[in-house]
Protein backbone atom coordinates (compact mmCIF):
# COMPACT_ATOMS: atom_id res chain seq x y z
CA MET A 1 -10.90 -2.27 -9.09
CA SER A 2 -11.78 -0.83 -12.09
CA THR A 3 -11.31 -1.95 -15.54
CA SER A 4 -10.03 0.82 -18.42
CA PRO A 5 -12.16 -0.34 -21.09
CA LYS A 6 -9.59 1.08 -23.97
CA THR A 7 -6.47 -1.11 -22.12
CA LYS A 8 -8.44 -4.43 -20.78
CA VAL A 9 -6.43 -3.91 -17.92
CA ALA A 10 -7.61 -3.87 -13.82
CA VAL A 11 -6.12 -1.56 -11.66
CA ILE A 12 -5.93 -2.33 -7.74
CA GLY A 13 -3.75 0.33 -7.40
CA SER A 14 -0.84 1.94 -8.41
CA GLY A 15 1.63 4.49 -6.81
CA ASN A 16 0.65 8.28 -6.61
CA ILE A 17 3.67 11.41 -5.73
CA GLY A 18 0.22 13.89 -5.22
CA THR A 19 -1.86 11.32 -2.62
CA ASP A 20 -3.52 13.32 -0.35
CA LEU A 21 -3.30 13.10 3.15
CA MET A 22 -6.34 11.32 3.77
CA ILE A 23 -6.02 8.69 1.40
CA LYS A 24 -2.54 8.17 3.79
CA VAL A 25 -4.64 7.85 6.32
CA VAL A 26 -7.16 5.57 5.21
CA ARG A 27 -4.36 3.68 3.93
CA LEU A 28 -2.50 3.61 7.19
CA SER A 29 -5.89 2.54 8.90
CA ARG A 30 -6.20 -0.60 6.72
CA VAL A 31 -2.51 -1.60 7.52
CA LEU A 32 -3.73 -2.06 10.75
CA GLU A 33 -6.10 -3.81 10.91
CA MET A 34 -4.97 -6.38 8.72
CA ALA A 35 -1.60 -6.06 11.56
CA ALA A 36 -3.84 -7.45 14.29
CA MET A 37 -5.47 -9.80 11.98
CA ALA A 38 -2.38 -11.16 10.48
CA THR A 39 -0.98 -11.18 14.25
CA ALA A 40 -4.10 -13.43 15.75
CA TYR A 41 -3.08 -15.72 12.60
CA GLY A 42 0.80 -15.88 12.55
CA LYS A 43 0.90 -14.39 8.98
CA THR A 44 1.64 -11.13 7.01
CA PRO A 45 -1.22 -8.75 6.90
CA ALA A 46 -0.59 -9.58 2.44
CA GLN A 47 -1.60 -13.32 3.55
CA VAL A 48 -4.34 -12.47 5.10
CA MET A 49 -5.41 -10.43 2.09
CA ILE A 50 -4.60 -13.54 -0.29
CA ARG A 51 -7.01 -15.25 2.10
CA TRP A 52 -9.22 -12.93 2.04
CA HIS A 53 -9.76 -13.01 -2.18
CA LEU A 54 -9.44 -16.71 -1.92
CA GLN A 55 -12.49 -16.98 0.77
CA GLU A 56 -14.32 -14.05 -1.42
CA GLY A 57 -14.12 -16.76 -4.06
CA ARG A 58 -11.68 -14.04 -5.87
CA SER A 59 -9.13 -15.07 -8.07
CA ALA A 60 -5.79 -13.89 -6.39
CA ILE A 61 -2.47 -13.44 -8.13
CA PRO A 62 0.78 -12.00 -5.90
CA LYS A 63 3.83 -10.64 -7.74
CA SER A 64 6.67 -11.14 -6.31
CA VAL A 65 10.06 -12.47 -7.62
CA ARG A 66 11.84 -13.52 -4.06
CA PRO A 67 11.53 -17.06 -3.09
CA GLU A 68 10.81 -16.93 0.14
CA ARG A 69 7.89 -14.23 -0.46
CA ILE A 70 6.41 -16.46 -2.82
CA ALA A 71 6.18 -19.70 -0.62
CA GLU A 72 4.61 -17.02 2.04
CA ASN A 73 2.31 -16.48 -0.77
CA PHE A 74 1.08 -19.60 -0.81
CA ASP A 75 0.66 -20.21 3.05
CA VAL A 76 -2.34 -19.49 3.30
CA PHE A 77 -4.40 -22.64 3.83
CA ASP A 78 -3.93 -23.47 7.23
CA PHE A 79 -6.32 -20.88 8.60
CA GLU A 80 -9.05 -19.59 7.82
CA LEU A 81 -10.92 -15.72 8.43
CA SER A 82 -14.35 -15.64 10.43
CA ALA A 83 -17.12 -14.25 9.02
CA ASP A 84 -16.95 -10.81 11.43
CA GLU A 85 -13.24 -10.51 9.79
CA LEU A 86 -14.17 -11.11 6.13
CA LYS A 87 -16.73 -8.37 6.93
CA THR A 88 -14.39 -6.07 8.60
CA LEU A 89 -12.35 -6.50 5.55
CA ASP A 90 -15.15 -5.94 3.16
CA ALA A 91 -16.11 -2.95 4.63
CA LEU A 92 -12.48 -1.25 5.12
CA ASP A 93 -13.19 -0.48 1.45
CA THR A 94 -13.86 3.68 1.18
CA GLY A 95 -14.96 4.04 -2.51
CA VAL A 96 -11.84 6.46 -2.97
CA ARG A 97 -8.96 5.27 -5.29
CA GLY A 98 -5.78 5.63 -3.86
CA GLY A 99 -4.03 5.14 -7.84
CA THR A 100 -4.66 6.01 -11.18
CA GLU A 101 -8.03 5.98 -12.93
CA PRO A 102 -7.33 3.15 -15.08
CA ASP A 103 -8.92 5.24 -18.65
CA ASP A 104 -6.57 7.55 -17.72
CA ILE A 105 -3.22 5.24 -18.40
CA THR A 106 -3.07 6.63 -21.70
CA LEU A 107 0.48 6.95 -24.12
CA GLU A 108 -0.35 10.96 -23.50
CA ASN A 109 -0.61 11.26 -19.64
CA PHE A 110 2.43 8.71 -18.82
CA GLY A 111 4.56 9.40 -22.24
CA ARG A 112 5.72 5.48 -23.03
CA PRO A 113 3.87 3.20 -25.52
CA ILE A 114 1.25 1.27 -23.90
CA PRO A 115 1.13 -2.43 -25.93
CA GLU A 116 -2.62 -3.85 -25.20
CA ALA A 117 -3.85 0.06 -25.98
């Protein structure tokens, strides 16, 4: 996760139409790893990721407007990831960003006002 010093906004991901094949393969492998864990616990990959963040002592603020998804996001306290599973999820970080660099989020690059800037 990176934070733009200009906007003080933490960017953890965003869409990018020009994403190359390698990043897509990395993302697919992440989804498959999380899906296997999620299946083992009867949870969704999103719930596994929320649980991972919480167990690692991080704040997780998932976004949703759908009531069923909001309820699902709270349903992460009836299972615990093992130390090996935490290591597996930690290892999924390749150091390759899948989205825009925070410092590149500017009025000039996006053509619309950024209130925090």
